Amino acid sequence: MASTNGKFAADRMLGRLVTWLRIVGQDVIYGPHLSGYGLLRAARTEDRLILTRDRSLRQKQPPAFLFIESDHYRDQLLQVVRACGLKIVDEKLFSRCLECNTVLQPKAKETVQRLVPPYVFLTQENFVSCSTCGRIYWRATHHARMREELKSLGLG
């Protein structure tokens, strides 16, 4: 199965998978409102592939979906990448807000001084922000750990 448009709707059981798909730049909607028929409605309306662990979904006449086999996010991520033919490219890594899925925008350093810890402001030069939830991101040790995790999975 290949996703034709690279857009996903994930059920409530897949929070960690959602985070990792967003890390690699995928457009994934997720939240408590996306369960049962809410998930189906959102997927139909926005032409998204459903990612689910819900075995009963088949009985609800869903749009296209991918049943996620494993309970472990590493296996889940690999399943989605393989099943959908996703290409992991550097330009898309860390391009979406991990909280709300919005595409991140560059932020001038001087505009974040009061928004980040003093040490971060002194040691970092590049910042991006989410225009929806206001989160600020920068490349620190967590960024390197995430890249290492992707490499260990053969994705980076």
N, C-alpha and C. Protein backbone atom coordinates (compact mmCIF):
# COMPACT_ATOMS: atom_id res chain seq x y z
N MET A 1 0.85 -1.18 0.00
CA MET A 1 0.00 0.00 0.00
C MET A 1 0.89 1.24 0.00
N ALA A 2 0.60 2.18 -0.85
CA ALA A 2 1.35 3.43 -0.87
C ALA A 2 0.40 4.59 -0.64
N SER A 3 0.82 5.52 0.19
CA SER A 3 0.03 6.73 0.41
C SER A 3 0.24 7.62 -0.81
N THR A 4 -0.84 8.04 -1.40
CA THR A 4 -0.72 8.84 -2.61
C THR A 4 -0.37 10.29 -2.32
N ASN A 5 -0.72 10.78 -1.13
CA ASN A 5 -0.49 12.20 -0.87
C ASN A 5 0.35 12.48 0.37
N GLY A 6 0.80 11.44 1.07
CA GLY A 6 1.67 11.65 2.23
C GLY A 6 0.99 12.27 3.43
N LYS A 7 -0.32 12.17 3.50
CA LYS A 7 -1.06 12.73 4.64
C LYS A 7 -1.69 11.58 5.41
N PHE A 8 -1.59 11.67 6.74
CA PHE A 8 -2.06 10.59 7.59
C PHE A 8 -3.00 11.11 8.68
N ALA A 9 -3.87 10.22 9.15
CA ALA A 9 -4.70 10.45 10.33
C ALA A 9 -4.45 9.24 11.25
N ALA A 10 -3.98 9.49 12.46
CA ALA A 10 -3.62 8.41 13.36
C ALA A 10 -4.57 8.32 14.54
N ASP A 11 -4.88 7.09 14.94
CA ASP A 11 -5.77 6.92 16.09
C ASP A 11 -5.02 7.16 17.40
N ARG A 12 -5.77 7.22 18.48
CA ARG A 12 -5.23 7.60 19.79
C ARG A 12 -4.19 6.64 20.34
N MET A 13 -4.10 5.45 19.81
CA MET A 13 -3.15 4.46 20.32
C MET A 13 -1.75 4.63 19.74
N LEU A 14 -1.53 5.62 18.92
CA LEU A 14 -0.29 5.71 18.16
C LEU A 14 0.50 7.00 18.41
N GLY A 15 0.46 7.51 19.61
CA GLY A 15 1.11 8.78 19.92
C GLY A 15 2.59 8.84 19.61
N ARG A 16 3.33 7.82 19.99
CA ARG A 16 4.78 7.85 19.71
C ARG A 16 5.07 7.75 18.22
N LEU A 17 4.31 6.93 17.53
CA LEU A 17 4.47 6.84 16.07
C LEU A 17 4.22 8.21 15.44
N VAL A 18 3.18 8.89 15.89
CA VAL A 18 2.86 10.22 15.36
C VAL A 18 4.06 11.15 15.53
N THR A 19 4.64 11.16 16.72
CA THR A 19 5.81 12.02 16.97
C THR A 19 6.92 11.72 15.98
N TRP A 20 7.23 10.45 15.78
CA TRP A 20 8.33 10.10 14.89
C TRP A 20 8.00 10.37 13.42
N LEU A 21 6.75 10.21 13.04
CA LEU A 21 6.39 10.58 11.66
C LEU A 21 6.53 12.09 11.46
N ARG A 22 6.16 12.87 12.46
CA ARG A 22 6.34 14.32 12.36
C ARG A 22 7.82 14.68 12.35
N ILE A 23 8.65 13.97 13.11
CA ILE A 23 10.09 14.23 13.10
C ILE A 23 10.65 14.07 11.68
N VAL A 24 10.16 13.07 10.95
CA VAL A 24 10.66 12.87 9.58
C VAL A 24 9.88 13.69 8.55
N GLY A 25 9.04 14.61 9.03
CA GLY A 25 8.41 15.58 8.15
C GLY A 25 7.06 15.20 7.58
N GLN A 26 6.42 14.17 8.12
CA GLN A 26 5.11 13.75 7.59
C GLN A 26 3.97 14.54 8.22
N ASP A 27 2.94 14.76 7.45
CA ASP A 27 1.74 15.48 7.86
C ASP A 27 0.79 14.48 8.52
N VAL A 28 0.70 14.52 9.86
CA VAL A 28 -0.10 13.55 10.60
C VAL A 28 -1.02 14.27 11.58
N ILE A 29 -2.33 14.09 11.40
CA ILE A 29 -3.26 14.63 12.40
C ILE A 29 -3.51 13.56 13.45
N TYR A 30 -3.73 14.04 14.70
CA TYR A 30 -3.81 13.12 15.83
C TYR A 30 -4.43 13.87 17.00
N GLY A 31 -5.17 13.17 17.81
CA GLY A 31 -5.71 13.78 19.02
C GLY A 31 -6.91 13.01 19.53
N PRO A 32 -7.39 13.40 20.70
CA PRO A 32 -8.52 12.68 21.31
C PRO A 32 -9.80 12.74 20.48
N HIS A 33 -9.93 13.77 19.67
CA HIS A 33 -11.12 13.89 18.81
C HIS A 33 -11.09 12.90 17.64
N LEU A 34 -9.94 12.27 17.43
CA LEU A 34 -9.80 11.35 16.29
C LEU A 34 -9.90 9.90 16.75
N SER A 35 -11.09 9.53 17.14
CA SER A 35 -11.35 8.13 17.47
C SER A 35 -12.66 7.75 16.81
N GLY A 36 -12.80 6.50 16.51
CA GLY A 36 -14.04 6.01 15.91
C GLY A 36 -14.40 6.77 14.65
N TYR A 37 -15.63 7.27 14.63
CA TYR A 37 -16.12 7.94 13.43
C TYR A 37 -15.47 9.30 13.20
N GLY A 38 -14.95 9.92 14.25
CA GLY A 38 -14.21 11.17 14.08
C GLY A 38 -12.97 10.96 13.23
N LEU A 39 -12.30 9.85 13.45
CA LEU A 39 -11.11 9.50 12.67
C LEU A 39 -11.50 9.26 11.21
N LEU A 40 -12.56 8.53 11.00
CA LEU A 40 -13.02 8.24 9.63
C LEU A 40 -13.42 9.52 8.90
N ARG A 41 -14.17 10.38 9.59
CA ARG A 41 -14.62 11.63 8.99
C ARG A 41 -13.44 12.52 8.60
N ALA A 42 -12.48 12.66 9.50
CA ALA A 42 -11.30 13.49 9.21
C ALA A 42 -10.51 12.93 8.04
N ALA A 43 -10.34 11.62 8.02
CA ALA A 43 -9.58 10.99 6.93
C ALA A 43 -10.27 11.21 5.58
N ARG A 44 -11.59 11.06 5.56
CA ARG A 44 -12.33 11.27 4.30
C ARG A 44 -12.27 12.74 3.87
N THR A 45 -12.53 13.63 4.80
CA THR A 45 -12.58 15.06 4.49
C THR A 45 -11.25 15.58 3.97
N GLU A 46 -10.15 15.12 4.58
CA GLU A 46 -8.83 15.65 4.23
C GLU A 46 -8.02 14.70 3.36
N ASP A 47 -8.64 13.63 2.85
CA ASP A 47 -7.97 12.65 2.00
C ASP A 47 -6.67 12.14 2.64
N ARG A 48 -6.83 11.56 3.84
CA ARG A 48 -5.69 11.05 4.60
C ARG A 48 -5.78 9.53 4.73
N LEU A 49 -4.63 8.91 4.78
CA LEU A 49 -4.54 7.48 5.06
C LEU A 49 -4.63 7.29 6.57
N ILE A 50 -5.52 6.43 7.01
CA ILE A 50 -5.68 6.16 8.44
C ILE A 50 -4.60 5.18 8.90
N LEU A 51 -3.97 5.51 10.02
CA LEU A 51 -3.05 4.61 10.71
C LEU A 51 -3.76 4.18 11.98
N THR A 52 -3.93 2.88 12.18
CA THR A 52 -4.73 2.43 13.32
C THR A 52 -4.24 1.10 13.89
N ARG A 53 -4.55 0.91 15.18
CA ARG A 53 -4.36 -0.38 15.85
C ARG A 53 -5.73 -0.98 16.17
N ASP A 54 -6.79 -0.32 15.75
CA ASP A 54 -8.16 -0.73 16.04
C ASP A 54 -8.61 -1.82 15.06
N ARG A 55 -8.70 -3.04 15.56
CA ARG A 55 -9.08 -4.17 14.71
C ARG A 55 -10.53 -4.07 14.23
N SER A 56 -11.38 -3.37 14.95
CA SER A 56 -12.79 -3.28 14.57
C SER A 56 -13.06 -2.22 13.50
N LEU A 57 -12.04 -1.47 13.12
CA LEU A 57 -12.22 -0.40 12.14
C LEU A 57 -12.78 -0.92 10.82
N ARG A 58 -12.35 -2.08 10.42
CA ARG A 58 -12.77 -2.67 9.14
C ARG A 58 -14.30 -2.72 9.01
N GLN A 59 -14.98 -2.93 10.11
CA GLN A 59 -16.44 -3.05 10.11
C GLN A 59 -17.14 -1.71 9.91
N LYS A 60 -16.41 -0.61 10.00
CA LYS A 60 -17.01 0.73 9.89
C LYS A 60 -16.90 1.32 8.49
N GLN A 61 -16.54 0.50 7.52
CA GLN A 61 -16.38 0.92 6.13
C GLN A 61 -15.47 2.15 6.02
N PRO A 62 -14.22 1.99 6.43
CA PRO A 62 -13.31 3.14 6.43
C PRO A 62 -12.78 3.47 5.05
N PRO A 63 -12.26 4.69 4.90
CA PRO A 63 -11.45 4.97 3.71
C PRO A 63 -10.15 4.18 3.86
N ALA A 64 -9.21 4.40 2.98
CA ALA A 64 -7.95 3.65 3.02
C ALA A 64 -7.31 3.72 4.40
N PHE A 65 -6.81 2.57 4.87
CA PHE A 65 -6.15 2.55 6.16
C PHE A 65 -5.03 1.54 6.16
N LEU A 66 -4.13 1.72 7.12
CA LEU A 66 -3.03 0.79 7.34
C LEU A 66 -3.13 0.32 8.78
N PHE A 67 -3.34 -0.98 8.96
CA PHE A 67 -3.38 -1.53 10.31
C PHE A 67 -1.95 -1.67 10.81
N ILE A 68 -1.65 -1.04 11.93
CA ILE A 68 -0.30 -1.06 12.50
C ILE A 68 -0.16 -2.32 13.34
N GLU A 69 0.77 -3.17 12.96
CA GLU A 69 0.91 -4.50 13.56
C GLU A 69 1.51 -4.50 14.96
N SER A 70 2.51 -3.70 15.19
CA SER A 70 3.31 -3.79 16.41
C SER A 70 2.86 -2.78 17.47
N ASP A 71 3.21 -3.08 18.71
CA ASP A 71 3.01 -2.14 19.82
C ASP A 71 4.22 -1.21 19.98
N HIS A 72 5.31 -1.48 19.28
CA HIS A 72 6.56 -0.75 19.47
C HIS A 72 6.76 0.29 18.37
N TYR A 73 7.01 1.53 18.79
CA TYR A 73 7.06 2.63 17.82
C TYR A 73 8.12 2.45 16.75
N ARG A 74 9.24 1.82 17.07
CA ARG A 74 10.29 1.62 16.05
C ARG A 74 9.75 0.74 14.91
N ASP A 75 9.12 -0.37 15.30
CA ASP A 75 8.53 -1.26 14.30
C ASP A 75 7.40 -0.57 13.55
N GLN A 76 6.62 0.22 14.25
CA GLN A 76 5.51 0.94 13.63
C GLN A 76 6.02 1.90 12.57
N LEU A 77 7.06 2.65 12.93
CA LEU A 77 7.64 3.62 11.98
C LEU A 77 8.17 2.91 10.75
N LEU A 78 8.89 1.83 10.96
CA LEU A 78 9.41 1.07 9.81
C LEU A 78 8.28 0.53 8.94
N GLN A 79 7.20 0.05 9.56
CA GLN A 79 6.06 -0.46 8.80
C GLN A 79 5.47 0.64 7.92
N VAL A 80 5.25 1.82 8.47
CA VAL A 80 4.65 2.92 7.70
C VAL A 80 5.59 3.35 6.58
N VAL A 81 6.86 3.50 6.88
CA VAL A 81 7.83 3.92 5.86
C VAL A 81 7.83 2.93 4.70
N ARG A 82 7.87 1.64 5.01
CA ARG A 82 7.91 0.62 3.96
C ARG A 82 6.59 0.53 3.20
N ALA A 83 5.48 0.46 3.95
CA ALA A 83 4.18 0.27 3.31
C ALA A 83 3.79 1.46 2.43
N CYS A 84 4.21 2.64 2.80
CA CYS A 84 3.82 3.85 2.07
C CYS A 84 4.91 4.37 1.15
N GLY A 85 6.05 3.69 1.13
CA GLY A 85 7.14 4.11 0.26
C GLY A 85 7.68 5.49 0.60
N LEU A 86 7.70 5.82 1.90
CA LEU A 86 8.18 7.13 2.31
C LEU A 86 9.68 7.26 2.11
N LYS A 87 10.09 8.40 1.66
CA LYS A 87 11.51 8.72 1.52
C LYS A 87 11.87 9.68 2.64
N ILE A 88 12.86 9.33 3.42
CA ILE A 88 13.31 10.18 4.53
C ILE A 88 14.42 11.07 3.98
N VAL A 89 14.14 12.37 3.89
CA VAL A 89 15.11 13.31 3.32
C VAL A 89 15.44 14.39 4.34
N ASP A 90 16.69 14.81 4.34
CA ASP A 90 17.16 15.80 5.31
C ASP A 90 16.33 17.08 5.32
N GLU A 91 15.89 17.53 4.16
CA GLU A 91 15.15 18.79 4.08
C GLU A 91 13.84 18.74 4.86
N LYS A 92 13.27 17.56 5.01
CA LYS A 92 11.99 17.44 5.71
C LYS A 92 12.14 17.12 7.19
N LEU A 93 13.32 16.64 7.60
CA LEU A 93 13.52 16.29 9.01
C LEU A 93 13.31 17.52 9.88
N PHE A 94 12.60 17.34 10.97
CA PHE A 94 12.37 18.40 11.96
C PHE A 94 11.70 19.64 11.35
N SER A 95 10.81 19.42 10.39
CA SER A 95 10.15 20.55 9.73
C SER A 95 8.74 20.80 10.24
N ARG A 96 8.24 19.92 11.12
CA ARG A 96 6.87 20.07 11.64
C ARG A 96 6.88 20.15 13.15
N CYS A 97 5.90 20.85 13.69
CA CYS A 97 5.74 20.92 15.14
C CYS A 97 5.35 19.53 15.64
N LEU A 98 6.04 19.08 16.66
CA LEU A 98 5.76 17.75 17.21
C LEU A 98 4.45 17.73 17.98
N GLU A 99 3.99 18.89 18.40
CA GLU A 99 2.74 18.98 19.17
C GLU A 99 1.51 19.11 18.28
N CYS A 100 1.57 20.00 17.28
CA CYS A 100 0.33 20.28 16.54
C CYS A 100 0.43 20.08 15.04
N ASN A 101 1.58 19.65 14.53
CA ASN A 101 1.72 19.25 13.13
C ASN A 101 1.95 20.41 12.16
N THR A 102 1.97 21.65 12.61
CA THR A 102 2.16 22.80 11.74
C THR A 102 3.59 22.82 11.20
N VAL A 103 3.75 23.27 9.96
CA VAL A 103 5.09 23.42 9.39
C VAL A 103 5.79 24.55 10.13
N LEU A 104 7.01 24.29 10.57
CA LEU A 104 7.78 25.26 11.35
C LEU A 104 8.37 26.35 10.46
N GLN A 105 8.52 27.55 11.06
CA GLN A 105 9.07 28.70 10.35
C GLN A 105 10.32 29.21 11.06
N PRO A 106 11.32 29.68 10.30
CA PRO A 106 12.51 30.25 10.94
C PRO A 106 12.12 31.43 11.83
N LYS A 107 12.87 31.59 12.90
CA LYS A 107 12.60 32.66 13.87
C LYS A 107 13.92 33.37 14.13
N ALA A 108 13.94 34.68 14.04
CA ALA A 108 15.15 35.46 14.30
C ALA A 108 15.55 35.29 15.76
N LYS A 109 16.84 35.14 16.01
CA LYS A 109 17.34 34.90 17.36
C LYS A 109 16.87 35.96 18.35
N GLU A 110 16.92 37.20 17.95
CA GLU A 110 16.58 38.27 18.89
C GLU A 110 15.11 38.24 19.33
N THR A 111 14.27 37.55 18.57
CA THR A 111 12.85 37.49 18.93
C THR A 111 12.52 36.40 19.94
N VAL A 112 13.50 35.53 20.26
CA VAL A 112 13.21 34.41 21.17
C VAL A 112 13.87 34.56 22.54
N GLN A 113 14.58 35.64 22.77
CA GLN A 113 15.37 35.78 24.00
C GLN A 113 14.54 35.53 25.26
N ARG A 114 13.33 36.04 25.32
CA ARG A 114 12.50 35.85 26.51
C ARG A 114 11.71 34.54 26.48
N LEU A 115 11.82 33.81 25.39
CA LEU A 115 11.04 32.59 25.21
C LEU A 115 11.82 31.30 25.44
N VAL A 116 13.15 31.41 25.49
CA VAL A 116 13.99 30.23 25.68
C VAL A 116 14.88 30.44 26.91
N PRO A 117 15.38 29.35 27.47
CA PRO A 117 16.30 29.49 28.61
C PRO A 117 17.54 30.31 28.23
N PRO A 118 18.10 31.08 29.19
CA PRO A 118 19.27 31.92 28.89
C PRO A 118 20.44 31.15 28.27
N TYR A 119 20.73 29.96 28.77
CA TYR A 119 21.83 29.17 28.22
C TYR A 119 21.58 28.84 26.74
N VAL A 120 20.35 28.48 26.42
CA VAL A 120 20.00 28.16 25.04
C VAL A 120 20.18 29.39 24.17
N PHE A 121 19.75 30.53 24.65
CA PHE A 121 19.89 31.76 23.87
C PHE A 121 21.36 32.08 23.61
N LEU A 122 22.21 31.83 24.59
CA LEU A 122 23.64 32.12 24.44
C LEU A 122 24.37 31.12 23.53
N THR A 123 23.90 29.88 23.51
CA THR A 123 24.65 28.83 22.81
C THR A 123 24.08 28.44 21.46
N GLN A 124 22.87 28.88 21.14
CA GLN A 124 22.25 28.50 19.87
C GLN A 124 22.08 29.72 18.97
N GLU A 125 22.16 29.50 17.67
CA GLU A 125 21.99 30.59 16.71
C GLU A 125 20.71 30.48 15.89
N ASN A 126 20.26 29.25 15.66
CA ASN A 126 19.12 29.03 14.78
C ASN A 126 17.91 28.52 15.55
N PHE A 127 16.78 29.14 15.29
CA PHE A 127 15.53 28.77 15.94
C PHE A 127 14.42 28.69 14.90
N VAL A 128 13.47 27.82 15.17
CA VAL A 128 12.26 27.75 14.36
C VAL A 128 11.08 27.74 15.34
N SER A 129 9.92 28.17 14.83
CA SER A 129 8.77 28.22 15.73
C SER A 129 7.52 27.74 15.02
N CYS A 130 6.55 27.41 15.84
CA CYS A 130 5.24 26.98 15.36
C CYS A 130 4.29 28.17 15.46
N SER A 131 3.71 28.54 14.35
CA SER A 131 2.79 29.68 14.33
C SER A 131 1.45 29.34 14.98
N THR A 132 1.17 28.06 15.18
CA THR A 132 -0.10 27.65 15.78
C THR A 132 -0.03 27.59 17.30
N CYS A 133 0.95 26.86 17.84
CA CYS A 133 1.00 26.68 19.30
C CYS A 133 2.09 27.52 19.97
N GLY A 134 2.96 28.15 19.17
CA GLY A 134 3.98 29.03 19.72
C GLY A 134 5.25 28.34 20.20
N ARG A 135 5.34 27.04 20.08
CA ARG A 135 6.55 26.34 20.53
C ARG A 135 7.77 26.79 19.73
N ILE A 136 8.89 26.87 20.42
CA ILE A 136 10.17 27.23 19.80
C ILE A 136 11.06 25.99 19.81
N TYR A 137 11.75 25.76 18.70
CA TYR A 137 12.65 24.60 18.57
C TYR A 137 14.04 25.09 18.21
N TRP A 138 15.03 24.34 18.65
CA TRP A 138 16.43 24.58 18.29
C TRP A 138 17.14 23.25 18.27
N ARG A 139 18.29 23.21 17.61
CA ARG A 139 19.04 21.96 17.48
C ARG A 139 19.98 21.81 18.67
N ALA A 140 19.66 20.86 19.52
CA ALA A 140 20.47 20.60 20.71
C ALA A 140 20.73 19.10 20.79
N THR A 141 21.08 18.62 21.97
CA THR A 141 21.44 17.20 22.11
C THR A 141 20.27 16.28 21.75
N HIS A 142 19.05 16.69 22.04
CA HIS A 142 17.90 15.85 21.69
C HIS A 142 17.79 15.66 20.18
N HIS A 143 18.17 16.68 19.44
CA HIS A 143 18.16 16.62 17.98
C HIS A 143 19.14 15.54 17.50
N ALA A 144 20.34 15.55 18.06
CA ALA A 144 21.35 14.56 17.69
C ALA A 144 20.89 13.15 18.06
N ARG A 145 20.26 13.00 19.23
CA ARG A 145 19.77 11.67 19.64
C ARG A 145 18.69 11.16 18.69
N MET A 146 17.82 12.04 18.24
CA MET A 146 16.77 11.63 17.31
C MET A 146 17.37 11.20 15.97
N ARG A 147 18.37 11.93 15.50
CA ARG A 147 19.04 11.55 14.25
C ARG A 147 19.72 10.18 14.39
N GLU A 148 20.33 9.96 15.56
CA GLU A 148 20.97 8.64 15.82
C GLU A 148 19.93 7.52 15.83
N GLU A 149 18.79 7.79 16.42
CA GLU A 149 17.71 6.80 16.45
C GLU A 149 17.27 6.46 15.01
N LEU A 150 17.11 7.48 14.18
CA LEU A 150 16.73 7.24 12.79
C LEU A 150 17.81 6.42 12.06
N LYS A 151 19.07 6.75 12.30
CA LYS A 151 20.17 5.99 11.69
C LYS A 151 20.15 4.55 12.13
N SER A 152 19.89 4.32 13.42
CA SER A 152 19.87 2.94 13.93
C SER A 152 18.75 2.12 13.28
N LEU A 153 17.71 2.79 12.81
CA LEU A 153 16.62 2.12 12.12
C LEU A 153 16.85 2.02 10.61
N GLY A 154 17.98 2.58 10.15
CA GLY A 154 18.28 2.58 8.72
C GLY A 154 17.52 3.64 7.95
N LEU A 155 17.09 4.70 8.66
CA LEU A 155 16.28 5.75 8.04
C LEU A 155 16.97 7.10 7.93
N GLY A 156 18.21 7.17 8.36
CA GLY A 156 18.82 8.50 8.33
C GLY A 156 20.25 8.50 7.93
